[in-house]
C-alpha atoms as a PDB file:
ATOM      1  CA  MET A   1    -140.419   6.046  12.916  1.00  0.00           C
ATOM      2  CA  LYS A   2    -138.802   3.427  10.655  1.00  0.00           C
ATOM      3  CA  LYS A   3    -136.777   6.156   8.968  1.00  0.00           C
ATOM      4  CA  ILE A   4    -135.424   6.987  12.573  1.00  0.00           C
ATOM      5  CA  ILE A   5    -134.745   3.254  13.612  1.00  0.00           C
ATOM      6  CA  ILE A   6    -132.860   2.088  10.425  1.00  0.00           C
ATOM      7  CA  PRO A   7    -130.066   4.778  10.579  1.00  0.00           C
ATOM      8  CA  ILE A   8    -129.749   4.212  14.484  1.00  0.00           C
ATOM      9  CA  ILE A   9    -129.227   0.375  13.710  1.00  0.00           C
ATOM     10  CA  CYS A  10    -126.605   0.968  11.092  1.00  0.00           C
ATOM     11  CA  ILE A  11    -124.673   3.382  13.442  1.00  0.00           C
ATOM     12  CA  VAL A  12    -124.931   0.764  16.149  1.00  0.00           C
ATOM     13  CA  LEU A  13    -123.629  -1.968  13.940  1.00  0.00           C
ATOM     14  CA  LEU A  14    -120.811   0.202  12.477  1.00  0.00           C
ATOM     15  CA  ALA A  15    -119.739   1.231  15.922  1.00  0.00           C
ATOM     16  CA  GLY A  16    -119.678  -2.397  17.084  1.00  0.00           C
ATOM     17  CA  LEU A  17    -117.577  -3.339  13.963  1.00  0.00           C
ATOM     18  CA  PHE A  18    -115.205  -0.484  14.719  1.00  0.00           C
ATOM     19  CA  PHE A  19    -114.653  -1.602  18.324  1.00  0.00           C
ATOM     20  CA  PHE A  20    -114.288  -5.214  17.278  1.00  0.00           C
ATOM     21  CA  GLY A  21    -111.800  -4.306  14.812  1.00  0.00           C
ATOM     22  CA  MET A  22    -109.876  -2.190  17.383  1.00  0.00           C
ATOM     23  CA  ASN A  23    -109.954  -4.858  19.953  1.00  0.00           C
ATOM     24  CA  LEU A  24    -108.592  -7.322  17.222  1.00  0.00           C
ATOM     25  CA  GLN A  25    -105.844  -4.923  16.281  1.00  0.00           C
ATOM     26  CA  THR A  26    -105.014  -4.327  20.027  1.00  0.00           C
ATOM     27  CA  LYS A  27    -104.768  -8.187  20.510  1.00  0.00           C
ATOM     28  CA  GLU A  28    -102.552  -8.474  17.472  1.00  0.00           C
ATOM     29  CA  ASP A  29    -100.330  -5.563  18.565  1.00  0.00           C
ATOM     30  CA  LYS A  30    -100.158  -7.144  22.160  1.00  0.00           C
ATOM     31  CA  ASP A  31     -99.247 -10.740  20.628  1.00  0.00           C
ATOM     32  CA  LYS A  32     -96.424  -9.123  18.607  1.00  0.00           C
ATOM     33  CA  LYS A  33     -95.068  -7.313  21.430  1.00  0.00           C
ATOM     34  CA  THR A  34     -94.807 -10.479  23.492  1.00  0.00           C
ATOM     35  CA  LEU A  35     -92.731 -12.075  20.796  1.00  0.00           C
ATOM     36  CA  GLN A  36     -89.147 -12.320  21.713  1.00  0.00           C
ATOM     37  CA  LYS A  37     -86.871 -10.375  19.225  1.00  0.00           C
ATOM     38  CA  ILE A  38     -83.981 -12.427  17.783  1.00  0.00           C
ATOM     39  CA  LYS A  39     -81.277 -10.992  15.197  1.00  0.00           C
ATOM     40  CA  VAL A  40     -79.724 -13.636  12.754  1.00  0.00           C
ATOM     41  CA  ALA A  41     -76.813 -12.754  10.699  1.00  0.00           C
ATOM     42  CA  GLU A  42     -76.752 -14.739   7.454  1.00  0.00           C
ATOM     43  CA  VAL A  43     -73.547 -15.253   5.458  1.00  0.00           C
ATOM     44  CA  THR A  44     -75.187 -14.746   2.112  1.00  0.00           C
ATOM     45  CA  HIS A  45     -78.638 -14.531   0.811  1.00  0.00           C
ATOM     46  CA  SER A  46     -79.285 -17.798  -1.266  1.00  0.00           C
ATOM     47  CA  ILE A  47     -82.005 -20.029  -2.359  1.00  0.00           C
ATOM     48  CA  PHE A  48     -79.429 -22.510  -0.937  1.00  0.00           C
ATOM     49  CA  TYR A  49     -81.119 -21.673   2.392  1.00  0.00           C
ATOM     50  CA  THR A  50     -84.617 -22.342   1.356  1.00  0.00           C
ATOM     51  CA  PRO A  51     -85.584 -24.155   4.642  1.00  0.00           C
ATOM     52  CA  LEU A  52     -84.601 -20.990   6.697  1.00  0.00           C
ATOM     53  CA  TYR A  53     -86.952 -18.746   4.449  1.00  0.00           C
ATOM     54  CA  ILE A  54     -89.835 -21.287   4.578  1.00  0.00           C
ATOM     55  CA  ALA A  55     -89.831 -21.236   8.371  1.00  0.00           C
ATOM     56  CA  ASP A  56     -89.590 -17.308   8.160  1.00  0.00           C
ATOM     57  CA  ALA A  57     -92.373 -16.960   5.615  1.00  0.00           C
ATOM     58  CA  LEU A  58     -94.921 -19.666   7.104  1.00  0.00           C
ATOM     59  CA  GLY A  59     -94.768 -17.905  10.540  1.00  0.00           C
ATOM     60  CA  TYR A  60     -93.042 -21.004  12.128  1.00  0.00           C
ATOM     61  CA  PHE A  61     -90.722 -18.504  14.415  1.00  0.00           C
ATOM     62  CA  GLU A  62     -93.806 -16.636  15.381  1.00  0.00           C
ATOM     63  CA  GLU A  63     -95.580 -20.159  16.208  1.00  0.00           C
ATOM     64  CA  GLU A  64     -92.613 -20.403  18.666  1.00  0.00           C
ATOM     65  CA  GLY A  65     -92.849 -16.961  20.227  1.00  0.00           C
ATOM     66  CA  LEU A  66     -90.046 -15.547  18.305  1.00  0.00           C
ATOM     67  CA  GLU A  67     -89.849 -12.458  16.039  1.00  0.00           C
ATOM     68  CA  VAL A  68     -86.819 -13.228  13.755  1.00  0.00           C
ATOM     69  CA  GLU A  69     -85.015 -10.598  11.602  1.00  0.00           C
ATOM     70  CA  ILE A  70     -82.388 -12.065   9.280  1.00  0.00           C
ATOM     71  CA  ILE A  71     -79.555  -9.569   8.423  1.00  0.00           C
ATOM     72  CA  LEU A  72     -77.280 -10.184   5.457  1.00  0.00           C
ATOM     73  CA  THR A  73     -73.719 -10.240   6.785  1.00  0.00           C
ATOM     74  CA  SER A  74     -71.425 -11.091   3.858  1.00  0.00           C
ATOM     75  CA  GLY A  75     -68.503 -13.339   4.897  1.00  0.00           C
ATOM     76  CA  ALA A  76     -68.257 -15.970   7.701  1.00  0.00           C
ATOM     77  CA  ASN A  77     -65.795 -13.976   9.521  1.00  0.00           C
ATOM     78  CA  ASN A  78     -68.178 -10.946   9.674  1.00  0.00           C
ATOM     79  CA  VAL A  79     -70.895 -13.236  10.881  1.00  0.00           C
ATOM     80  CA  ALA A  80     -68.772 -14.480  13.705  1.00  0.00           C
ATOM     81  CA  ALA A  81     -67.839 -10.948  14.449  1.00  0.00           C
ATOM     82  CA  ALA A  82     -71.441  -9.800  14.839  1.00  0.00           C
ATOM     83  CA  VAL A  83     -72.326 -12.647  17.118  1.00  0.00           C
ATOM     84  CA  MET A  84     -69.099 -12.181  19.185  1.00  0.00           C
ATOM     85  CA  SER A  85     -69.969  -8.515  19.752  1.00  0.00           C
ATOM     86  CA  LYS A  86     -73.514  -9.423  20.526  1.00  0.00           C
ATOM     87  CA  ASP A  87     -74.931  -7.276  17.777  1.00  0.00           C
ATOM     88  CA  VAL A  88     -76.968 -10.234  16.841  1.00  0.00           C
ATOM     89  CA  GLN A  89     -77.863 -13.252  18.951  1.00  0.00           C
ATOM     90  CA  ILE A  90     -77.566 -16.082  16.351  1.00  0.00           C
ATOM     91  CA  GLY A  91     -74.995 -16.491  13.279  1.00  0.00           C
ATOM     92  CA  PHE A  92     -75.575 -18.619  10.235  1.00  0.00           C
ATOM     93  CA  CYS A  93     -72.353 -19.365   8.506  1.00  0.00           C
ATOM     94  CA  GLY A  94     -69.865 -22.105   7.649  1.00  0.00           C
ATOM     95  CA  SER A  95     -68.932 -24.213  10.860  1.00  0.00           C
ATOM     96  CA  GLU A  96     -65.214 -23.763  10.290  1.00  0.00           C
ATOM     97  CA  GLN A  97     -65.565 -20.168  11.528  1.00  0.00           C
ATOM     98  CA  THR A  98     -66.237 -21.720  15.002  1.00  0.00           C
ATOM     99  CA  LEU A  99     -63.043 -23.585  14.770  1.00  0.00           C
ATOM    100  CA  TYR A 100     -61.178 -20.532  14.116  1.00  0.00           C
ATOM    101  CA  ILE A 101     -62.771 -18.622  17.031  1.00  0.00           C
ATOM    102  CA  TYR A 102     -62.115 -21.356  19.516  1.00  0.00           C
ATOM    103  CA  ASN A 103     -58.512 -21.903  18.518  1.00  0.00           C
ATOM    104  CA  GLU A 104     -57.923 -18.093  18.746  1.00  0.00           C
ATOM    105  CA  GLY A 105     -58.459 -18.805  22.546  1.00  0.00           C
ATOM    106  CA  ALA A 106     -61.876 -17.095  23.094  1.00  0.00           C
ATOM    107  CA  LYS A 107     -63.278 -18.006  26.402  1.00  0.00           C
ATOM    108  CA  ASP A 108     -66.776 -17.332  25.233  1.00  0.00           C
ATOM    109  CA  TYR A 109     -66.848 -19.047  21.908  1.00  0.00           C
ATOM    110  CA  LEU A 110     -69.167 -19.807  19.223  1.00  0.00           C
ATOM    111  CA  ILE A 111     -71.141 -23.304  19.373  1.00  0.00           C
ATOM    112  CA  ASN A 112     -73.005 -24.838  16.552  1.00  0.00           C
ATOM    113  CA  PHE A 113     -76.451 -25.629  17.750  1.00  0.00           C
ATOM    114  CA  ALA A 114     -78.341 -26.594  14.513  1.00  0.00           C
ATOM    115  CA  GLY A 115     -77.407 -27.671  11.032  1.00  0.00           C
ATOM    116  CA  MET A 116     -79.272 -26.888   7.798  1.00  0.00           C
ATOM    117  CA  THR A 117     -76.923 -27.377   4.770  1.00  0.00           C
ATOM    118  CA  LYS A 118     -74.873 -30.515   4.710  1.00  0.00           C
ATOM    119  CA  ARG A 119     -72.670 -30.000   1.647  1.00  0.00           C
ATOM    120  CA  ASP A 120     -71.139 -27.336  -0.585  1.00  0.00           C
ATOM    121  CA  GLY A 121     -74.000 -25.465  -2.444  1.00  0.00           C
ATOM    122  CA  SER A 122     -71.918 -24.258  -5.276  1.00  0.00           C
ATOM    123  CA  PHE A 123     -71.751 -25.859  -8.828  1.00  0.00           C
ATOM    124  CA  LEU A 124     -69.100 -26.095 -11.455  1.00  0.00           C
ATOM    125  CA  VAL A 125     -69.611 -24.282 -14.496  1.00  0.00           C
ATOM    126  CA  SER A 126     -67.582 -24.951 -17.730  1.00  0.00           C
ATOM    127  CA  ARG A 127     -67.183 -22.597 -20.803  1.00  0.00           C
ATOM    128  CA  LYS A 128     -68.439 -25.571 -22.877  1.00  0.00           C
ATOM    129  CA  PRO A 129     -70.920 -28.407 -22.333  1.00  0.00           C
ATOM    130  CA  ILE A 130     -69.326 -31.680 -21.067  1.00  0.00           C
ATOM    131  CA  GLU A 131     -71.066 -34.883 -21.677  1.00  0.00           C
ATOM    132  CA  ASN A 132     -70.383 -37.844 -19.213  1.00  0.00           C
ATOM    133  CA  PHE A 133     -68.507 -35.460 -16.865  1.00  0.00           C
ATOM    134  CA  ASP A 134     -65.650 -36.549 -14.927  1.00  0.00           C
ATOM    135  CA  LEU A 135     -63.046 -34.561 -12.981  1.00  0.00           C
ATOM    136  CA  SER A 136     -60.260 -36.232 -14.719  1.00  0.00           C
ATOM    137  CA  GLN A 137     -61.493 -34.369 -17.970  1.00  0.00           C
ATOM    138  CA  LEU A 138     -60.628 -30.973 -16.646  1.00  0.00           C
ATOM    139  CA  GLN A 139     -57.639 -28.895 -17.486  1.00  0.00           C
ATOM    140  CA  GLY A 140     -56.679 -25.338 -17.049  1.00  0.00           C
ATOM    141  CA  VAL A 141     -57.688 -22.800 -14.480  1.00  0.00           C
ATOM    142  CA  ILE A 142     -60.705 -22.761 -12.174  1.00  0.00           C
ATOM    143  CA  LEU A 143     -61.981 -19.765 -10.361  1.00  0.00           C
ATOM    144  CA  GLY A 144     -62.517 -21.106  -7.024  1.00  0.00           C
ATOM    145  CA  GLY A 145     -63.437 -18.164  -4.604  1.00  0.00           C
ATOM    146  CA  ARG A 146     -61.303 -16.569  -1.832  1.00  0.00           C
ATOM    147  CA  GLN A 147     -58.492 -18.481  -0.129  1.00  0.00           C
ATOM    148  CA  GLY A 148     -59.715 -19.964   3.119  1.00  0.00           C
ATOM    149  CA  GLY A 149     -63.325 -20.130   2.141  1.00  0.00           C
ATOM    150  CA  MET A 150     -65.262 -23.415   2.205  1.00  0.00           C
ATOM    151  CA  PRO A 151     -65.997 -23.445  -1.547  1.00  0.00           C
ATOM    152  CA  SER A 152     -62.211 -23.173  -2.395  1.00  0.00           C
ATOM    153  CA  MET A 153     -61.230 -25.437   0.341  1.00  0.00           C
ATOM    154  CA  THR A 154     -63.649 -28.094  -0.452  1.00  0.00           C
ATOM    155  CA  LEU A 155     -62.687 -27.970  -4.206  1.00  0.00           C
ATOM    156  CA  ASN A 156     -59.036 -28.058  -3.141  1.00  0.00           C
ATOM    157  CA  TYR A 157     -59.612 -31.223  -0.942  1.00  0.00           C
ATOM    158  CA  THR A 158     -61.809 -32.911  -3.804  1.00  0.00           C
ATOM    159  CA  LEU A 159     -59.198 -32.563  -6.357  1.00  0.00           C
ATOM    160  CA  HIS A 160     -56.564 -33.973  -4.046  1.00  0.00           C
ATOM    161  CA  GLU A 161     -58.595 -36.845  -3.062  1.00  0.00           C
ATOM    162  CA  ARG A 162     -59.141 -37.750  -6.618  1.00  0.00           C
ATOM    163  CA  GLY A 163     -55.499 -37.254  -7.711  1.00  0.00           C
ATOM    164  CA  ILE A 164     -56.421 -34.322 -10.078  1.00  0.00           C
ATOM    165  CA  THR A 165     -53.196 -32.405 -10.807  1.00  0.00           C
ATOM    166  CA  SER A 166     -54.278 -30.854 -14.174  1.00  0.00           C
ATOM    167  CA  LEU A 167     -56.280 -28.036 -12.701  1.00  0.00           C
ATOM    168  CA  LYS A 168     -54.822 -24.719 -11.028  1.00  0.00           C
ATOM    169  CA  VAL A 169     -57.365 -23.099  -8.527  1.00  0.00           C
ATOM    170  CA  ASP A 170     -57.358 -19.348  -8.576  1.00  0.00           C
ATOM    171  CA  THR A 171     -58.215 -18.051  -5.148  1.00  0.00           C
ATOM    172  CA  SER A 172     -57.446 -14.407  -6.026  1.00  0.00           C
ATOM    173  CA  ILE A 173     -60.837 -13.260  -6.960  1.00  0.00           C
ATOM    174  CA  ASP A 174     -63.455 -12.110  -4.337  1.00  0.00           C
ATOM    175  CA  PHE A 175     -66.523 -14.367  -4.086  1.00  0.00           C
ATOM    176  CA  ALA A 176     -68.989 -11.602  -5.250  1.00  0.00           C
ATOM    177  CA  ALA A 177     -66.788 -11.014  -8.358  1.00  0.00           C
ATOM    178  CA  LEU A 178     -66.643 -14.502  -9.693  1.00  0.00           C
ATOM    179  CA  SER A 179     -69.492 -14.335 -12.154  1.00  0.00           C
ATOM    180  CA  GLY A 180     -68.090 -11.009 -13.549  1.00  0.00           C
ATOM    181  CA  ALA A 181     -64.483 -12.429 -13.979  1.00  0.00           C
ATOM    182  CA  PHE A 182     -65.510 -15.468 -15.649  1.00  0.00           C
ATOM    183  CA  ILE A 183     -67.755 -13.489 -18.000  1.00  0.00           C
ATOM    184  CA  GLY A 184     -64.682 -11.139 -18.648  1.00  0.00           C
ATOM    185  CA  GLY A 185     -62.750 -14.165 -19.892  1.00  0.00           C
ATOM    186  CA  GLN A 186     -60.860 -15.215 -16.735  1.00  0.00           C
ATOM    187  CA  GLY A 187     -60.663 -18.870 -16.023  1.00  0.00           C
ATOM    188  CA  ASP A 188     -61.670 -22.032 -17.916  1.00  0.00           C
ATOM    189  CA  TYR A 189     -64.057 -22.971 -15.112  1.00  0.00           C
ATOM    190  CA  VAL A 190     -65.634 -21.197 -12.270  1.00  0.00           C
ATOM    191  CA  THR A 191     -67.601 -22.432  -8.988  1.00  0.00           C
ATOM    192  CA  LEU A 192     -70.771 -20.400  -8.561  1.00  0.00           C
ATOM    193  CA  PHE A 193     -73.781 -20.495  -6.122  1.00  0.00           C
ATOM    194  CA  GLU A 194     -77.195 -20.187  -7.249  1.00  0.00           C
ATOM    195  CA  PRO A 195     -78.854 -18.320  -8.885  1.00  0.00           C
ATOM    196  CA  ASN A 196     -75.644 -17.098 -10.440  1.00  0.00           C
ATOM    197  CA  ALA A 197     -74.871 -20.445 -12.142  1.00  0.00           C
ATOM    198  CA  LEU A 198     -78.240 -20.669 -13.714  1.00  0.00           C
ATOM    199  CA  THR A 199     -77.962 -16.963 -14.926  1.00  0.00           C
ATOM    200  CA  LEU A 200     -74.618 -17.685 -16.732  1.00  0.00           C
ATOM    201  CA  GLU A 201     -76.297 -20.771 -18.390  1.00  0.00           C
ATOM    202  CA  LYS A 202     -79.193 -18.596 -19.484  1.00  0.00           C
ATOM    203  CA  GLU A 203     -77.029 -15.883 -20.922  1.00  0.00           C
ATOM    204  CA  GLY A 204     -74.916 -18.402 -22.836  1.00  0.00           C
ATOM    205  CA  TYR A 205     -71.623 -17.921 -20.777  1.00  0.00           C
ATOM    206  CA  GLY A 206     -71.352 -21.464 -19.339  1.00  0.00           C
ATOM    207  CA  TYR A 207     -72.762 -24.700 -18.493  1.00  0.00           C
ATOM    208  CA  VAL A 208     -73.272 -26.223 -14.997  1.00  0.00           C
ATOM    209  CA  VAL A 209     -71.449 -29.706 -15.249  1.00  0.00           C
ATOM    210  CA  ALA A 210     -71.295 -30.745 -11.638  1.00  0.00           C
ATOM    211  CA  SER A 211     -72.336 -30.149  -7.822  1.00  0.00           C
ATOM    212  CA  ILE A 212     -69.216 -29.310  -5.801  1.00  0.00           C
ATOM    213  CA  GLY A 213     -71.184 -30.683  -2.789  1.00  0.00           C
ATOM    214  CA  GLU A 214     -71.836 -34.155  -4.324  1.00  0.00           C
ATOM    215  CA  LEU A 215     -68.203 -34.295  -5.132  1.00  0.00           C
ATOM    216  CA  GLY A 216     -66.933 -33.039  -1.742  1.00  0.00           C
ATOM    217  CA  GLY A 217     -69.181 -35.215   0.537  1.00  0.00           C
ATOM    218  CA  GLU A 218     -71.142 -34.499   3.508  1.00  0.00           C
ATOM    219  CA  VAL A 219     -70.008 -31.500   6.098  1.00  0.00           C
ATOM    220  CA  PRO A 220     -71.899 -29.071   8.298  1.00  0.00           C
ATOM    221  CA  TYR A 221     -71.406 -26.727   5.575  1.00  0.00           C
ATOM    222  CA  THR A 222     -73.924 -23.923   6.883  1.00  0.00           C
ATOM    223  CA  THR A 223     -74.964 -23.982  10.550  1.00  0.00           C
ATOM    224  CA  PHE A 224     -76.533 -21.764  13.190  1.00  0.00           C
ATOM    225  CA  ASN A 225     -74.264 -20.757  15.933  1.00  0.00           C
ATOM    226  CA  ALA A 226     -74.431 -18.652  19.095  1.00  0.00           C
ATOM    227  CA  LEU A 227     -72.190 -17.838  22.038  1.00  0.00           C
ATOM    228  CA  LYS A 228     -71.590 -20.435  24.593  1.00  0.00           C
ATOM    229  CA  SER A 229     -72.941 -18.028  27.311  1.00  0.00           C
ATOM    230  CA  TYR A 230     -76.047 -17.129  25.166  1.00  0.00           C
ATOM    231  CA  ILE A 231     -76.941 -20.958  24.827  1.00  0.00           C
ATOM    232  CA  GLU A 232     -76.501 -21.486  28.613  1.00  0.00           C
ATOM    233  CA  GLU A 233     -78.626 -18.433  29.594  1.00  0.00           C
ATOM    234  CA  ASN A 234     -81.191 -18.892  26.891  1.00  0.00           C
ATOM    235  CA  PRO A 235     -81.958 -22.752  26.337  1.00  0.00           C
ATOM    236  CA  GLN A 236     -85.618 -22.078  25.839  1.00  0.00           C
ATOM    237  CA  THR A 237     -84.982 -19.434  23.033  1.00  0.00           C
ATOM    238  CA  ILE A 238     -82.387 -22.048  21.237  1.00  0.00           C
ATOM    239  CA  GLU A 239     -84.955 -24.710  21.630  1.00  0.00           C
ATOM    240  CA  LYS A 240     -87.771 -22.712  20.078  1.00  0.00           C
ATOM    241  CA  PHE A 241     -85.508 -21.422  17.209  1.00  0.00           C
ATOM    242  CA  THR A 242     -84.329 -24.914  16.417  1.00  0.00           C
ATOM    243  CA  LYS A 243     -87.971 -26.349  16.502  1.00  0.00           C
ATOM    244  CA  ALA A 244     -89.022 -23.728  13.991  1.00  0.00           C
ATOM    245  CA  LEU A 245     -86.098 -24.546  11.641  1.00  0.00           C
ATOM    246  CA  GLN A 246     -87.052 -28.263  11.678  1.00  0.00           C
ATOM    247  CA  LYS A 247     -90.505 -27.258  10.698  1.00  0.00           C
ATOM    248  CA  GLY A 248     -89.073 -25.529   7.799  1.00  0.00           C
ATOM    249  CA  LEU A 249     -86.944 -28.552   6.740  1.00  0.00           C
ATOM    250  CA  ASP A 250     -89.947 -30.762   7.220  1.00  0.00           C
ATOM    251  CA  TYR A 251     -92.013 -28.622   4.854  1.00  0.00           C
ATOM    252  CA  THR A 252     -89.145 -28.297   2.457  1.00  0.00           C
ATOM    253  CA  PHE A 253     -88.917 -32.198   2.029  1.00  0.00           C
ATOM    254  CA  SER A 254     -92.629 -32.720   1.996  1.00  0.00           C
ATOM    255  CA  HIS A 255     -93.238 -30.287  -0.829  1.00  0.00           C
ATOM    256  CA  THR A 256     -92.083 -30.099  -4.467  1.00  0.00           C
ATOM    257  CA  SER A 257     -90.023 -27.418  -5.945  1.00  0.00           C
ATOM    258  CA  LYS A 258     -93.021 -26.006  -7.728  1.00  0.00           C
ATOM    259  CA  GLU A 259     -94.881 -25.657  -4.517  1.00  0.00           C
ATOM    260  CA  LEU A 260     -91.857 -23.979  -2.633  1.00  0.00           C
ATOM    261  CA  ALA A 261     -91.045 -21.573  -5.332  1.00  0.00           C
ATOM    262  CA  PRO A 262     -94.027 -19.132  -4.827  1.00  0.00           C
ATOM    263  CA  ILE A 263     -93.261 -18.964  -1.062  1.00  0.00           C
ATOM    264  CA  LEU A 264     -89.766 -17.538  -1.831  1.00  0.00           C
ATOM    265  CA  VAL A 265     -90.664 -14.890  -4.488  1.00  0.00           C
ATOM    266  CA  ASP A 266     -90.757 -12.217  -1.940  1.00  0.00           C
ATOM    267  CA  TYR A 267     -87.262 -13.200  -0.729  1.00  0.00           C
ATOM    268  CA  PHE A 268     -85.668 -13.147  -4.304  1.00  0.00           C
ATOM    269  CA  PRO A 269     -87.667 -10.376  -6.150  1.00  0.00           C
ATOM    270  CA  ASP A 270     -84.967 -10.267  -8.954  1.00  0.00           C
ATOM    271  CA  THR A 271     -85.157 -13.976  -9.629  1.00  0.00           C
ATOM    272  CA  SER A 272     -88.300 -15.192 -11.603  1.00  0.00           C
ATOM    273  CA  ARG A 273     -90.488 -17.977  -9.987  1.00  0.00           C
ATOM    274  CA  ASP A 274     -89.600 -20.350 -12.678  1.00  0.00           C
ATOM    275  CA  ASP A 275     -85.850 -19.791 -11.950  1.00  0.00           C
ATOM    276  CA  ILE A 276     -86.321 -20.145  -8.230  1.00  0.00           C
ATOM    277  CA  GLU A 277     -88.134 -23.498  -8.799  1.00  0.00           C
ATOM    278  CA  LYS A 278     -85.098 -24.699 -11.052  1.00  0.00           C
ATOM    279  CA  VAL A 279     -82.668 -23.792  -8.315  1.00  0.00           C
ATOM    280  CA  ILE A 280     -84.618 -25.540  -5.533  1.00  0.00           C
ATOM    281  CA  GLU A 281     -84.865 -28.519  -7.820  1.00  0.00           C
ATOM    282  CA  ARG A 282     -81.120 -28.486  -8.452  1.00  0.00           C
ATOM    283  CA  HIS A 283     -80.404 -28.317  -4.647  1.00  0.00           C
ATOM    284  CA  LYS A 284     -82.920 -31.065  -4.013  1.00  0.00           C
ATOM    285  CA  ASN A 285     -81.179 -33.277  -6.567  1.00  0.00           C
ATOM    286  CA  SER A 286     -77.876 -32.469  -4.845  1.00  0.00           C
ATOM    287  CA  ASP A 287     -79.119 -33.647  -1.412  1.00  0.00           C
ATOM    288  CA  SER A 288     -78.178 -30.187  -0.050  1.00  0.00           C
ATOM    289  CA  TRP A 289     -80.114 -30.186   3.331  1.00  0.00           C
ATOM    290  CA  TYR A 290     -80.178 -32.218   6.348  1.00  0.00           C
ATOM    291  CA  ARG A 291     -83.319 -33.967   7.122  1.00  0.00           C
ATOM    292  CA  THR A 292     -83.219 -32.600  10.651  1.00  0.00           C
ATOM    293  CA  THR A 293     -81.094 -29.923  12.403  1.00  0.00           C
ATOM    294  CA  TYR A 294     -78.686 -32.640  13.976  1.00  0.00           C
ATOM    295  CA  ILE A 295     -75.179 -32.075  13.145  1.00  0.00           C
ATOM    296  CA  THR A 296     -73.427 -35.461  12.510  1.00  0.00           C
ATOM    297  CA  LYS A 297     -70.097 -36.119  14.201  1.00  0.00           C
ATOM    298  CA  GLU A 298     -68.812 -37.798  10.793  1.00  0.00           C
ATOM    299  CA  GLY A 299     -69.620 -34.583   8.862  1.00  0.00           C
ATOM    300  CA  TYR A 300     -68.031 -32.379  11.507  1.00  0.00           C
ATOM    301  CA  ASN A 301     -64.896 -34.468  11.448  1.00  0.00           C
ATOM    302  CA  HIS A 302     -64.768 -34.470   7.792  1.00  0.00           C
ATOM    303  CA  MET A 303     -65.041 -30.577   7.794  1.00  0.00           C
ATOM    304  CA  GLN A 304     -62.037 -30.520   9.930  1.00  0.00           C
ATOM    305  CA  GLU A 305     -60.100 -32.786   7.540  1.00  0.00           C
ATOM    306  CA  ILE A 306     -60.800 -30.321   4.670  1.00  0.00           C
ATOM    307  CA  VAL A 307     -59.819 -27.233   6.590  1.00  0.00           C
ATOM    308  CA  ASP A 308     -56.629 -29.118   7.846  1.00  0.00           C
ATOM    309  CA  TYR A 309     -55.656 -30.288   4.346  1.00  0.00           C
ATOM    310  CA  ASN A 310     -55.895 -26.426   3.218  1.00  0.00           C
ATOM    311  CA  GLY A 311     -53.594 -25.363   6.179  1.00  0.00           C
ATOM    312  CA  PHE A 312     -56.117 -23.336   8.070  1.00  0.00           C
ATOM    313  CA  LEU A 313     -56.438 -25.602  11.037  1.00  0.00           C
ATOM    314  CA  THR A 314     -54.280 -24.782  14.238  1.00  0.00           C
ATOM    315  CA  LYS A 315     -55.461 -27.763  15.933  1.00  0.00           C
ATOM    316  CA  LYS A 316     -58.373 -30.298  15.837  1.00  0.00           C
ATOM    317  CA  VAL A 317     -61.324 -29.579  18.180  1.00  0.00           C
ATOM    318  CA  ASP A 318     -63.436 -32.314  19.671  1.00  0.00           C
ATOM    319  CA  TYR A 319     -66.942 -32.425  18.284  1.00  0.00           C
ATOM    320  CA  SER A 320     -68.507 -32.345  21.748  1.00  0.00           C
ATOM    321  CA  ILE A 321     -66.858 -28.847  22.431  1.00  0.00           C
ATOM    322  CA  LEU A 322     -68.257 -26.981  19.231  1.00  0.00           C
ATOM    323  CA  VAL A 323     -71.422 -28.854  18.626  1.00  0.00           C
ATOM    324  CA  ASP A 324     -74.536 -28.792  20.979  1.00  0.00           C
ATOM    325  CA  ASN A 325     -77.221 -31.246  19.601  1.00  0.00           C
ATOM    326  CA  THR A 326     -79.374 -30.947  22.704  1.00  0.00           C
ATOM    327  CA  TYR A 327     -82.274 -29.557  20.775  1.00  0.00           C
ATOM    328  CA  ASN A 328     -82.024 -31.725  17.737  1.00  0.00           C
ATOM    329  CA  HIS A 329     -83.007 -35.401  16.758  1.00  0.00           C
ATOM    330  CA  GLU A 330     -81.187 -37.653  14.353  1.00  0.00           C
END
């Protein structure tokens, strides 16, 4: 009798576990289906955007009921085009692009609703180490990225403000080709984002001597934007998205670079954990990120000054028109 009962009990238990698992999976599938899908176009994929990836990796968007897909869309102009055409709901790029769109006369223009990076994220790389660095020491040619891009515009403005006339800024080389051009012998200096700057150092081609962001001051360098109509029609979505971003910022500031690096490994599979840690620390030391998603008026106006000096601003646009801090807190 026992020989019969034991197999029956086992079958019943296995069946129970099977149906429990099925119900659990069904619940997970149902929960996933209820998430609102949001596409975000990012201007470049960089450790500079650590808080965004932290928010994504730790499930902060899901906690707010959102399923976020981050799509690499190189170039701020291409990010803006993707948002304007409604291929994506949210853009992540330099705030200067919203100026251009507005000044072109768009009725349904782009509005910056959350900030993340508050200064230029590039670093100045020299062919030789420079002790006690000062801009006045520099002479020759610096590869500064494409004309009209924030890296080159910030650099031009910074040199102008400090009265540096001994450097020529070469803006003829595409952003993605800067490292290769410098390795190939062009220029005496180059401005690079990470991990490219660190890679050049490790390979012996150059030395990081300064943070362009620290030299250039605070600006809403990379912000999240959306169509004016989308924000008006989807205020709860914008609020949820911004809340998740704030959680990502909070976590980034409350944890060490060593603690953050393992979380980002899957986002940068070609970069070692040790290098990711070093880059995060470099950005922490440069004070790269806003403490909150609030975009300051001072930073916004400074950004306009930089764009205006470089000759790319048709007319200044009031802060209240292109910045919506409804869902942010100072």
